[in-house]
Amino acid sequence: MHEEALLRDLRRELLEVARRERVDRITRVRLRVGALCHVSPETLRSRWRELVADTPARDAALEIESSPDPRDSRAQDVVLADVVVEEPGSGTPPTSA
């Protein structure tokens, strides 16, 4: 159950980035998975396409970093570390959000 909540929160965060940046396309997402997180990097990779279907991140490349430090303040979290968006009007290079 906790895993599903983390995935829903991640999807919601991606939608918020797209809304805030006023973009239709997210091209790359970098996540940081805490050492005590209930979602493994393998689970994130396997569920990624399902998670981002019908969102601006539907074609985004996924990068995942694992934090080995259980004392990190975000050790139980999946952190949206970086999002690269395509600028409005095709042909312009993507920027980090």
PDB file of N, CA and C in Angstrom:
ATOM      1  N   MET A   1       0.823  -1.189   0.000  1.00  0.00           N
ATOM      2  CA  MET A   1       0.000   0.000   0.000  1.00  0.00           C
ATOM      3  C   MET A   1       0.870   1.257   0.000  1.00  0.00           C
ATOM      4  N   HIS A   2       1.924   1.270   0.822  1.00  0.00           N
ATOM      5  CA  HIS A   2       2.819   2.430   0.888  1.00  0.00           C
ATOM      6  C   HIS A   2       3.492   2.646  -0.467  1.00  0.00           C
ATOM      7  N   GLU A   3       3.844   1.552  -1.135  1.00  0.00           N
ATOM      8  CA  GLU A   3       4.467   1.631  -2.454  1.00  0.00           C
ATOM      9  C   GLU A   3       3.547   2.359  -3.438  1.00  0.00           C
ATOM     10  N   GLU A   4       2.286   2.022  -3.447  1.00  0.00           N
ATOM     11  CA  GLU A   4       1.331   2.666  -4.356  1.00  0.00           C
ATOM     12  C   GLU A   4       1.209   4.163  -4.063  1.00  0.00           C
ATOM     13  N   ALA A   5       1.210   4.528  -2.796  1.00  0.00           N
ATOM     14  CA  ALA A   5       1.124   5.939  -2.419  1.00  0.00           C
ATOM     15  C   ALA A   5       2.354   6.702  -2.916  1.00  0.00           C
ATOM     16  N   LEU A   6       3.529   6.113  -2.787  1.00  0.00           N
ATOM     17  CA  LEU A   6       4.748   6.765  -3.273  1.00  0.00           C
ATOM     18  C   LEU A   6       4.691   6.954  -4.792  1.00  0.00           C
ATOM     19  N   LEU A   7       4.197   5.952  -5.499  1.00  0.00           N
ATOM     20  CA  LEU A   7       4.101   6.050  -6.955  1.00  0.00           C
ATOM     21  C   LEU A   7       3.081   7.110  -7.371  1.00  0.00           C
ATOM     22  N   ARG A   8       1.956   7.165  -6.687  1.00  0.00           N
ATOM     23  CA  ARG A   8       0.955   8.204  -6.980  1.00  0.00           C
ATOM     24  C   ARG A   8       1.530   9.598  -6.723  1.00  0.00           C
ATOM     25  N   ASP A   9       2.263   9.748  -5.624  1.00  0.00           N
ATOM     26  CA  ASP A   9       2.876  11.043  -5.312  1.00  0.00           C
ATOM     27  C   ASP A   9       3.888  11.446  -6.385  1.00  0.00           C
ATOM     28  N   LEU A  10       4.663  10.494  -6.866  1.00  0.00           N
ATOM     29  CA  LEU A  10       5.639  10.775  -7.909  1.00  0.00           C
ATOM     30  C   LEU A  10       4.934  11.226  -9.183  1.00  0.00           C
ATOM     31  N   ARG A  11       3.886  10.541  -9.564  1.00  0.00           N
ATOM     32  CA  ARG A  11       3.112  10.923 -10.755  1.00  0.00           C
ATOM     33  C   ARG A  11       2.556  12.340 -10.591  1.00  0.00           C
ATOM     34  N   ARG A  12       2.018  12.619  -9.415  1.00  0.00           N
ATOM     35  CA  ARG A  12       1.452  13.945  -9.129  1.00  0.00           C
ATOM     36  C   ARG A  12       2.540  15.028  -9.227  1.00  0.00           C
ATOM     37  N   GLU A  13       3.726  14.736  -8.725  1.00  0.00           N
ATOM     38  CA  GLU A  13       4.826  15.705  -8.803  1.00  0.00           C
ATOM     39  C   GLU A  13       5.220  15.989 -10.255  1.00  0.00           C
ATOM     40  N   LEU A  14       5.268  14.949 -11.081  1.00  0.00           N
ATOM     41  CA  LEU A  14       5.614  15.139 -12.493  1.00  0.00           C
ATOM     42  C   LEU A  14       4.566  15.992 -13.201  1.00  0.00           C
ATOM     43  N   LEU A  15       3.300  15.742 -12.913  1.00  0.00           N
ATOM     44  CA  LEU A  15       2.236  16.547 -13.505  1.00  0.00           C
ATOM     45  C   LEU A  15       2.336  18.003 -13.052  1.00  0.00           C
ATOM     46  N   GLU A  16       2.708  18.212 -11.802  1.00  0.00           N
ATOM     47  CA  GLU A  16       2.852  19.569 -11.280  1.00  0.00           C
ATOM     48  C   GLU A  16       4.014  20.296 -11.965  1.00  0.00           C
ATOM     49  N   VAL A  17       5.121  19.604 -12.191  1.00  0.00           N
ATOM     50  CA  VAL A  17       6.252  20.217 -12.891  1.00  0.00           C
ATOM     51  C   VAL A  17       5.816  20.650 -14.293  1.00  0.00           C
ATOM     52  N   ALA A  18       5.133  19.770 -14.999  1.00  0.00           N
ATOM     53  CA  ALA A  18       4.679  20.099 -16.359  1.00  0.00           C
ATOM     54  C   ALA A  18       3.721  21.286 -16.341  1.00  0.00           C
ATOM     55  N   ARG A  19       2.825  21.332 -15.370  1.00  0.00           N
ATOM     56  CA  ARG A  19       1.884  22.439 -15.271  1.00  0.00           C
ATOM     57  C   ARG A  19       2.609  23.752 -14.962  1.00  0.00           C
ATOM     58  N   ARG A  20       3.499  23.693 -13.968  1.00  0.00           N
ATOM     59  CA  ARG A  20       4.224  24.884 -13.548  1.00  0.00           C
ATOM     60  C   ARG A  20       5.120  25.426 -14.667  1.00  0.00           C
ATOM     61  N   GLU A  21       5.761  24.525 -15.393  1.00  0.00           N
ATOM     62  CA  GLU A  21       6.666  24.927 -16.475  1.00  0.00           C
ATOM     63  C   GLU A  21       5.933  25.167 -17.792  1.00  0.00           C
ATOM     64  N   ARG A  22       4.638  24.845 -17.797  1.00  0.00           N
ATOM     65  CA  ARG A  22       3.801  25.020 -18.998  1.00  0.00           C
ATOM     66  C   ARG A  22       4.372  24.289 -20.203  1.00  0.00           C
ATOM     67  N   VAL A  23       4.669  23.008 -19.992  1.00  0.00           N
ATOM     68  CA  VAL A  23       5.213  22.168 -21.066  1.00  0.00           C
ATOM     69  C   VAL A  23       4.319  20.954 -21.290  1.00  0.00           C
ATOM     70  N   ASP A  24       4.407  20.445 -22.499  1.00  0.00           N
ATOM     71  CA  ASP A  24       3.657  19.251 -22.867  1.00  0.00           C
ATOM     72  C   ASP A  24       4.525  18.002 -22.851  1.00  0.00           C
ATOM     73  N   ARG A  25       5.830  18.206 -22.656  1.00  0.00           N
ATOM     74  CA  ARG A  25       6.724  17.058 -22.754  1.00  0.00           C
ATOM     75  C   ARG A  25       7.866  17.159 -21.748  1.00  0.00           C
ATOM     76  N   ILE A  26       8.023  16.087 -20.992  1.00  0.00           N
ATOM     77  CA  ILE A  26       9.161  15.900 -20.098  1.00  0.00           C
ATOM     78  C   ILE A  26      10.050  14.871 -20.774  1.00  0.00           C
ATOM     79  N   THR A  27      11.338  15.172 -20.932  1.00  0.00           N
ATOM     80  CA  THR A  27      12.209  14.274 -21.687  1.00  0.00           C
ATOM     81  C   THR A  27      13.101  13.382 -20.828  1.00  0.00           C
ATOM     82  N   ARG A  28      13.366  13.812 -19.598  1.00  0.00           N
ATOM     83  CA  ARG A  28      14.216  12.999 -18.718  1.00  0.00           C
ATOM     84  C   ARG A  28      13.821  13.247 -17.278  1.00  0.00           C
ATOM     85  N   VAL A  29      13.837  12.168 -16.504  1.00  0.00           N
ATOM     86  CA  VAL A  29      13.529  12.247 -15.075  1.00  0.00           C
ATOM     87  C   VAL A  29      14.632  11.510 -14.322  1.00  0.00           C
ATOM     88  N   ARG A  30      15.184  12.183 -13.320  1.00  0.00           N
ATOM     89  CA  ARG A  30      16.179  11.541 -12.447  1.00  0.00           C
ATOM     90  C   ARG A  30      15.581  11.436 -11.054  1.00  0.00           C
ATOM     91  N   LEU A  31      15.570  10.216 -10.528  1.00  0.00           N
ATOM     92  CA  LEU A  31      15.032   9.950  -9.200  1.00  0.00           C
ATOM     93  C   LEU A  31      16.158   9.533  -8.270  1.00  0.00           C
ATOM     94  N   ARG A  32      15.981   9.844  -6.996  1.00  0.00           N
ATOM     95  CA  ARG A  32      16.883   9.364  -5.951  1.00  0.00           C
ATOM     96  C   ARG A  32      16.043   8.516  -5.001  1.00  0.00           C
ATOM     97  N   VAL A  33      16.444   7.268  -4.836  1.00  0.00           N
ATOM     98  CA  VAL A  33      15.708   6.335  -3.983  1.00  0.00           C
ATOM     99  C   VAL A  33      16.483   6.164  -2.683  1.00  0.00           C
ATOM    100  N   GLY A  34      15.814   6.475  -1.571  1.00  0.00           N
ATOM    101  CA  GLY A  34      16.452   6.380  -0.267  1.00  0.00           C
ATOM    102  C   GLY A  34      16.731   4.945   0.152  1.00  0.00           C
ATOM    103  N   ALA A  35      17.705   4.788   1.027  1.00  0.00           N
ATOM    104  CA  ALA A  35      18.139   3.468   1.486  1.00  0.00           C
ATOM    105  C   ALA A  35      17.026   2.694   2.202  1.00  0.00           C
ATOM    106  N   LEU A  36      16.087   3.386   2.808  1.00  0.00           N
ATOM    107  CA  LEU A  36      15.009   2.726   3.558  1.00  0.00           C
ATOM    108  C   LEU A  36      13.665   2.826   2.837  1.00  0.00           C
ATOM    109  N   CYS A  37      13.704   3.165   1.570  1.00  0.00           N
ATOM    110  CA  CYS A  37      12.475   3.363   0.799  1.00  0.00           C
ATOM    111  C   CYS A  37      11.753   2.034   0.570  1.00  0.00           C
ATOM    112  N   HIS A  38      10.422   2.103   0.543  1.00  0.00           N
ATOM    113  CA  HIS A  38       9.599   0.916   0.321  1.00  0.00           C
ATOM    114  C   HIS A  38       9.477   0.553  -1.154  1.00  0.00           C
ATOM    115  N   VAL A  39      10.045   1.372  -2.030  1.00  0.00           N
ATOM    116  CA  VAL A  39      10.021   1.106  -3.466  1.00  0.00           C
ATOM    117  C   VAL A  39      11.460   0.932  -3.931  1.00  0.00           C
ATOM    118  N   SER A  40      11.742  -0.191  -4.540  1.00  0.00           N
ATOM    119  CA  SER A  40      13.097  -0.444  -5.023  1.00  0.00           C
ATOM    120  C   SER A  40      13.295   0.178  -6.403  1.00  0.00           C
ATOM    121  N   PRO A  41      14.544   0.430  -6.771  1.00  0.00           N
ATOM    122  CA  PRO A  41      14.812   0.920  -8.121  1.00  0.00           C
ATOM    123  C   PRO A  41      14.265  -0.036  -9.194  1.00  0.00           C
ATOM    124  N   GLU A  42      14.342  -1.325  -8.950  1.00  0.00           N
ATOM    125  CA  GLU A  42      13.829  -2.315  -9.903  1.00  0.00           C
ATOM    126  C   GLU A  42      12.322  -2.163 -10.089  1.00  0.00           C
ATOM    127  N   THR A  43      11.604  -1.935  -9.004  1.00  0.00           N
ATOM    128  CA  THR A  43      10.153  -1.733  -9.091  1.00  0.00           C
ATOM    129  C   THR A  43       9.848  -0.471  -9.880  1.00  0.00           C
ATOM    130  N   LEU A  44      10.579   0.591  -9.609  1.00  0.00           N
ATOM    131  CA  LEU A  44      10.367   1.836 -10.351  1.00  0.00           C
ATOM    132  C   LEU A  44      10.593   1.632 -11.842  1.00  0.00           C
ATOM    133  N   ARG A  45      11.665   0.940 -12.192  1.00  0.00           N
ATOM    134  CA  ARG A  45      11.944   0.691 -13.609  1.00  0.00           C
ATOM    135  C   ARG A  45      10.828  -0.136 -14.247  1.00  0.00           C
ATOM    136  N   SER A  46      10.373  -1.157 -13.559  1.00  0.00           N
ATOM    137  CA  SER A  46       9.347  -2.032 -14.140  1.00  0.00           C
ATOM    138  C   SER A  46       7.983  -1.360 -14.235  1.00  0.00           C
ATOM    139  N   ARG A  47       7.698  -0.421 -13.353  1.00  0.00           N
ATOM    140  CA  ARG A  47       6.395   0.249 -13.342  1.00  0.00           C
ATOM    141  C   ARG A  47       6.404   1.607 -14.042  1.00  0.00           C
ATOM    142  N   TRP A  48       7.565   2.053 -14.522  1.00  0.00           N
ATOM    143  CA  TRP A  48       7.723   3.394 -15.059  1.00  0.00           C
ATOM    144  C   TRP A  48       6.730   3.715 -16.168  1.00  0.00           C
ATOM    145  N   ARG A  49       6.659   2.894 -17.198  1.00  0.00           N
ATOM    146  CA  ARG A  49       5.786   3.188 -18.346  1.00  0.00           C
ATOM    147  C   ARG A  49       4.319   3.265 -17.923  1.00  0.00           C
ATOM    148  N   GLU A  50       3.910   2.385 -17.039  1.00  0.00           N
ATOM    149  CA  GLU A  50       2.541   2.417 -16.507  1.00  0.00           C
ATOM    150  C   GLU A  50       2.313   3.694 -15.698  1.00  0.00           C
ATOM    151  N   LEU A  51       3.296   4.070 -14.911  1.00  0.00           N
ATOM    152  CA  LEU A  51       3.191   5.236 -14.036  1.00  0.00           C
ATOM    153  C   LEU A  51       3.020   6.532 -14.817  1.00  0.00           C
ATOM    154  N   VAL A  52       3.748   6.665 -15.925  1.00  0.00           N
ATOM    155  CA  VAL A  52       3.751   7.927 -16.656  1.00  0.00           C
ATOM    156  C   VAL A  52       2.871   7.925 -17.910  1.00  0.00           C
ATOM    157  N   ALA A  53       2.175   6.827 -18.141  1.00  0.00           N
ATOM    158  CA  ALA A  53       1.278   6.781 -19.303  1.00  0.00           C
ATOM    159  C   ALA A  53       0.297   7.948 -19.218  1.00  0.00           C
ATOM    160  N   ASP A  54       0.000   8.540 -20.349  1.00  0.00           N
ATOM    161  CA  ASP A  54      -0.942   9.652 -20.423  1.00  0.00           C
ATOM    162  C   ASP A  54      -0.504  10.875 -19.624  1.00  0.00           C
ATOM    163  N   THR A  55       0.808  11.061 -19.447  1.00  0.00           N
ATOM    164  CA  THR A  55       1.341  12.258 -18.799  1.00  0.00           C
ATOM    165  C   THR A  55       2.390  12.867 -19.729  1.00  0.00           C
ATOM    166  N   PRO A  56       2.818  14.075 -19.480  1.00  0.00           N
ATOM    167  CA  PRO A  56       3.891  14.666 -20.283  1.00  0.00           C
ATOM    168  C   PRO A  56       5.213  13.893 -20.193  1.00  0.00           C
ATOM    169  N   ALA A  57       5.340  13.001 -19.219  1.00  0.00           N
ATOM    170  CA  ALA A  57       6.570  12.210 -19.056  1.00  0.00           C
ATOM    171  C   ALA A  57       6.492  10.851 -19.746  1.00  0.00           C
ATOM    172  N   ARG A  58       5.467  10.638 -20.574  1.00  0.00           N
ATOM    173  CA  ARG A  58       5.236   9.311 -21.167  1.00  0.00           C
ATOM    174  C   ARG A  58       6.425   8.781 -21.965  1.00  0.00           C
ATOM    175  N   ASP A  59       7.234   9.652 -22.551  1.00  0.00           N
ATOM    176  CA  ASP A  59       8.394   9.206 -23.329  1.00  0.00           C
ATOM    177  C   ASP A  59       9.716   9.541 -22.648  1.00  0.00           C
ATOM    178  N   ALA A  60       9.656   9.955 -21.412  1.00  0.00           N
ATOM    179  CA  ALA A  60      10.864  10.408 -20.712  1.00  0.00           C
ATOM    180  C   ALA A  60      11.815   9.254 -20.399  1.00  0.00           C
ATOM    181  N   ALA A  61      13.084   9.553 -20.524  1.00  0.00           N
ATOM    182  CA  ALA A  61      14.117   8.619 -20.078  1.00  0.00           C
ATOM    183  C   ALA A  61      14.158   8.667 -18.549  1.00  0.00           C
ATOM    184  N   LEU A  62      14.394   7.532 -17.939  1.00  0.00           N
ATOM    185  CA  LEU A  62      14.427   7.427 -16.482  1.00  0.00           C
ATOM    186  C   LEU A  62      15.833   7.110 -16.006  1.00  0.00           C
ATOM    187  N   GLU A  63      16.311   7.900 -15.061  1.00  0.00           N
ATOM    188  CA  GLU A  63      17.590   7.647 -14.401  1.00  0.00           C
ATOM    189  C   GLU A  63      17.309   7.502 -12.911  1.00  0.00           C
ATOM    190  N   ILE A  64      17.911   6.503 -12.285  1.00  0.00           N
ATOM    191  CA  ILE A  64      17.668   6.265 -10.857  1.00  0.00           C
ATOM    192  C   ILE A  64      18.994   6.166 -10.120  1.00  0.00           C
ATOM    193  N   GLU A  65      19.097   6.936  -9.048  1.00  0.00           N
ATOM    194  CA  GLU A  65      20.242   6.872  -8.133  1.00  0.00           C
ATOM    195  C   GLU A  65      19.743   6.241  -6.839  1.00  0.00           C
ATOM    196  N   SER A  66      20.545   5.388  -6.246  1.00  0.00           N
ATOM    197  CA  SER A  66      20.205   4.813  -4.949  1.00  0.00           C
ATOM    198  C   SER A  66      21.097   5.423  -3.887  1.00  0.00           C
ATOM    199  N   SER A  67      20.480   5.870  -2.818  1.00  0.00           N
ATOM    200  CA  SER A  67      21.249   6.421  -1.703  1.00  0.00           C
ATOM    201  C   SER A  67      21.546   5.295  -0.719  1.00  0.00           C
ATOM    202  N   PRO A  68      22.787   5.103  -0.347  1.00  0.00           N
ATOM    203  CA  PRO A  68      23.134   4.036   0.587  1.00  0.00           C
ATOM    204  C   PRO A  68      23.004   4.430   2.062  1.00  0.00           C
ATOM    205  N   ASP A  69      22.719   5.699   2.341  1.00  0.00           N
ATOM    206  CA  ASP A  69      22.767   6.219   3.707  1.00  0.00           C
ATOM    207  C   ASP A  69      21.412   6.131   4.411  1.00  0.00           C
ATOM    208  N   PRO A  70      21.242   5.203   5.341  1.00  0.00           N
ATOM    209  CA  PRO A  70      19.973   5.082   6.059  1.00  0.00           C
ATOM    210  C   PRO A  70      19.711   6.253   7.015  1.00  0.00           C
ATOM    211  N   ARG A  71      20.729   7.081   7.288  1.00  0.00           N
ATOM    212  CA  ARG A  71      20.552   8.234   8.178  1.00  0.00           C
ATOM    213  C   ARG A  71      20.145   9.493   7.431  1.00  0.00           C
ATOM    214  N   ASP A  72      20.139   9.425   6.108  1.00  0.00           N
ATOM    215  CA  ASP A  72      19.723  10.568   5.291  1.00  0.00           C
ATOM    216  C   ASP A  72      18.291  10.944   5.672  1.00  0.00           C
ATOM    217  N   SER A  73      18.012  12.231   5.726  1.00  0.00           N
ATOM    218  CA  SER A  73      16.670  12.689   6.109  1.00  0.00           C
ATOM    219  C   SER A  73      15.598  12.234   5.121  1.00  0.00           C
ATOM    220  N   ARG A  74      15.981  11.860   3.907  1.00  0.00           N
ATOM    221  CA  ARG A  74      15.027  11.391   2.886  1.00  0.00           C
ATOM    222  C   ARG A  74      15.194   9.899   2.613  1.00  0.00           C
ATOM    223  N   ALA A  75      15.722   9.159   3.571  1.00  0.00           N
ATOM    224  CA  ALA A  75      16.036   7.738   3.376  1.00  0.00           C
ATOM    225  C   ALA A  75      14.815   6.885   3.055  1.00  0.00           C
ATOM    226  N   GLN A  76      13.616   7.324   3.399  1.00  0.00           N
ATOM    227  CA  GLN A  76      12.415   6.543   3.123  1.00  0.00           C
ATOM    228  C   GLN A  76      11.679   7.018   1.870  1.00  0.00           C
ATOM    229  N   ASP A  77      12.266   7.943   1.145  1.00  0.00           N
ATOM    230  CA  ASP A  77      11.562   8.595   0.050  1.00  0.00           C
ATOM    231  C   ASP A  77      12.105   8.259  -1.330  1.00  0.00           C
ATOM    232  N   VAL A  78      11.245   8.500  -2.314  1.00  0.00           N
ATOM    233  CA  VAL A  78      11.656   8.610  -3.710  1.00  0.00           C
ATOM    234  C   VAL A  78      11.658  10.109  -3.987  1.00  0.00           C
ATOM    235  N   VAL A  79      12.818  10.647  -4.322  1.00  0.00           N
ATOM    236  CA  VAL A  79      12.969  12.083  -4.519  1.00  0.00           C
ATOM    237  C   VAL A  79      13.096  12.373  -6.012  1.00  0.00           C
ATOM    238  N   LEU A  80      12.312  13.315  -6.467  1.00  0.00           N
ATOM    239  CA  LEU A  80      12.409  13.789  -7.835  1.00  0.00           C
ATOM    240  C   LEU A  80      13.612  14.725  -7.883  1.00  0.00           C
ATOM    241  N   ALA A  81      14.770  14.185  -8.283  1.00  0.00           N
ATOM    242  CA  ALA A  81      16.018  14.931  -8.212  1.00  0.00           C
ATOM    243  C   ALA A  81      16.184  15.919  -9.358  1.00  0.00           C
ATOM    244  N   ASP A  82      15.694  15.559 -10.553  1.00  0.00           N
ATOM    245  CA  ASP A  82      15.838  16.442 -11.701  1.00  0.00           C
ATOM    246  C   ASP A  82      14.804  16.062 -12.750  1.00  0.00           C
ATOM    247  N   VAL A  83      14.284  17.061 -13.427  1.00  0.00           N
ATOM    248  CA  VAL A  83      13.341  16.858 -14.517  1.00  0.00           C
ATOM    249  C   VAL A  83      13.791  17.746 -15.665  1.00  0.00           C
ATOM    250  N   VAL A  84      13.936  17.155 -16.839  1.00  0.00           N
ATOM    251  CA  VAL A  84      14.286  17.916 -18.031  1.00  0.00           C
ATOM    252  C   VAL A  84      13.031  18.004 -18.878  1.00  0.00           C
ATOM    253  N   VAL A  85      12.669  19.225 -19.232  1.00  0.00           N
ATOM    254  CA  VAL A  85      11.453  19.462 -20.006  1.00  0.00           C
ATOM    255  C   VAL A  85      11.814  20.009 -21.378  1.00  0.00           C
ATOM    256  N   GLU A  86      10.924  19.773 -22.324  1.00  0.00           N
ATOM    257  CA  GLU A  86      11.090  20.358 -23.651  1.00  0.00           C
ATOM    258  C   GLU A  86      10.439  21.721 -23.629  1.00  0.00           C
ATOM    259  N   GLU A  87      11.189  22.710 -24.057  1.00  0.00           N
ATOM    260  CA  GLU A  87      10.660  24.071 -24.077  1.00  0.00           C
ATOM    261  C   GLU A  87       9.470  24.159 -25.022  1.00  0.00           C
ATOM    262  N   PRO A  88       8.482  24.977 -24.700  1.00  0.00           N
ATOM    263  CA  PRO A  88       7.360  25.167 -25.612  1.00  0.00           C
ATOM    264  C   PRO A  88       7.865  25.627 -26.986  1.00  0.00           C
ATOM    265  N   GLY A  89       7.268  25.107 -28.032  1.00  0.00           N
ATOM    266  CA  GLY A  89       7.724  25.422 -29.388  1.00  0.00           C
ATOM    267  C   GLY A  89       8.852  24.493 -29.755  1.00  0.00           C
ATOM    268  N   SER A  90       8.582  23.452 -30.491  1.00  0.00           N
ATOM    269  CA  SER A  90       9.592  22.449 -30.793  1.00  0.00           C
ATOM    270  C   SER A  90      10.822  23.057 -31.430  1.00  0.00           C
ATOM    271  N   GLY A  91      11.911  22.351 -31.282  1.00  0.00           N
ATOM    272  CA  GLY A  91      13.157  22.804 -31.844  1.00  0.00           C
ATOM    273  C   GLY A  91      14.057  23.521 -30.863  1.00  0.00           C
ATOM    274  N   THR A  92      13.551  23.851 -29.690  1.00  0.00           N
ATOM    275  CA  THR A  92      14.397  24.485 -28.689  1.00  0.00           C
ATOM    276  C   THR A  92      14.926  23.417 -27.742  1.00  0.00           C
ATOM    277  N   PRO A  93      16.128  23.571 -27.255  1.00  0.00           N
ATOM    278  CA  PRO A  93      16.710  22.543 -26.388  1.00  0.00           C
ATOM    279  C   PRO A  93      15.972  22.445 -25.055  1.00  0.00           C
ATOM    280  N   PRO A  94      15.965  21.222 -24.476  1.00  0.00           N
ATOM    281  CA  PRO A  94      15.307  21.051 -23.178  1.00  0.00           C
ATOM    282  C   PRO A  94      16.068  21.760 -22.068  1.00  0.00           C
ATOM    283  N   THR A  95      15.339  22.067 -21.002  1.00  0.00           N
ATOM    284  CA  THR A  95      15.940  22.688 -19.832  1.00  0.00           C
ATOM    285  C   THR A  95      15.570  21.891 -18.597  1.00  0.00           C
ATOM    286  N   SER A  96      16.359  22.016 -17.551  1.00  0.00           N
ATOM    287  CA  SER A  96      16.049  21.367 -16.283  1.00  0.00           C
ATOM    288  C   SER A  96      15.039  22.191 -15.523  1.00  0.00           C
ATOM    289  N   ALA A  97      14.109  21.481 -14.880  1.00  0.00           N
ATOM    290  CA  ALA A  97      13.093  22.160 -14.075  1.00  0.00           C
ATOM    291  C   ALA A  97      13.313  21.847 -12.620  1.00  0.00           C
TER     292      ALA A  97
END
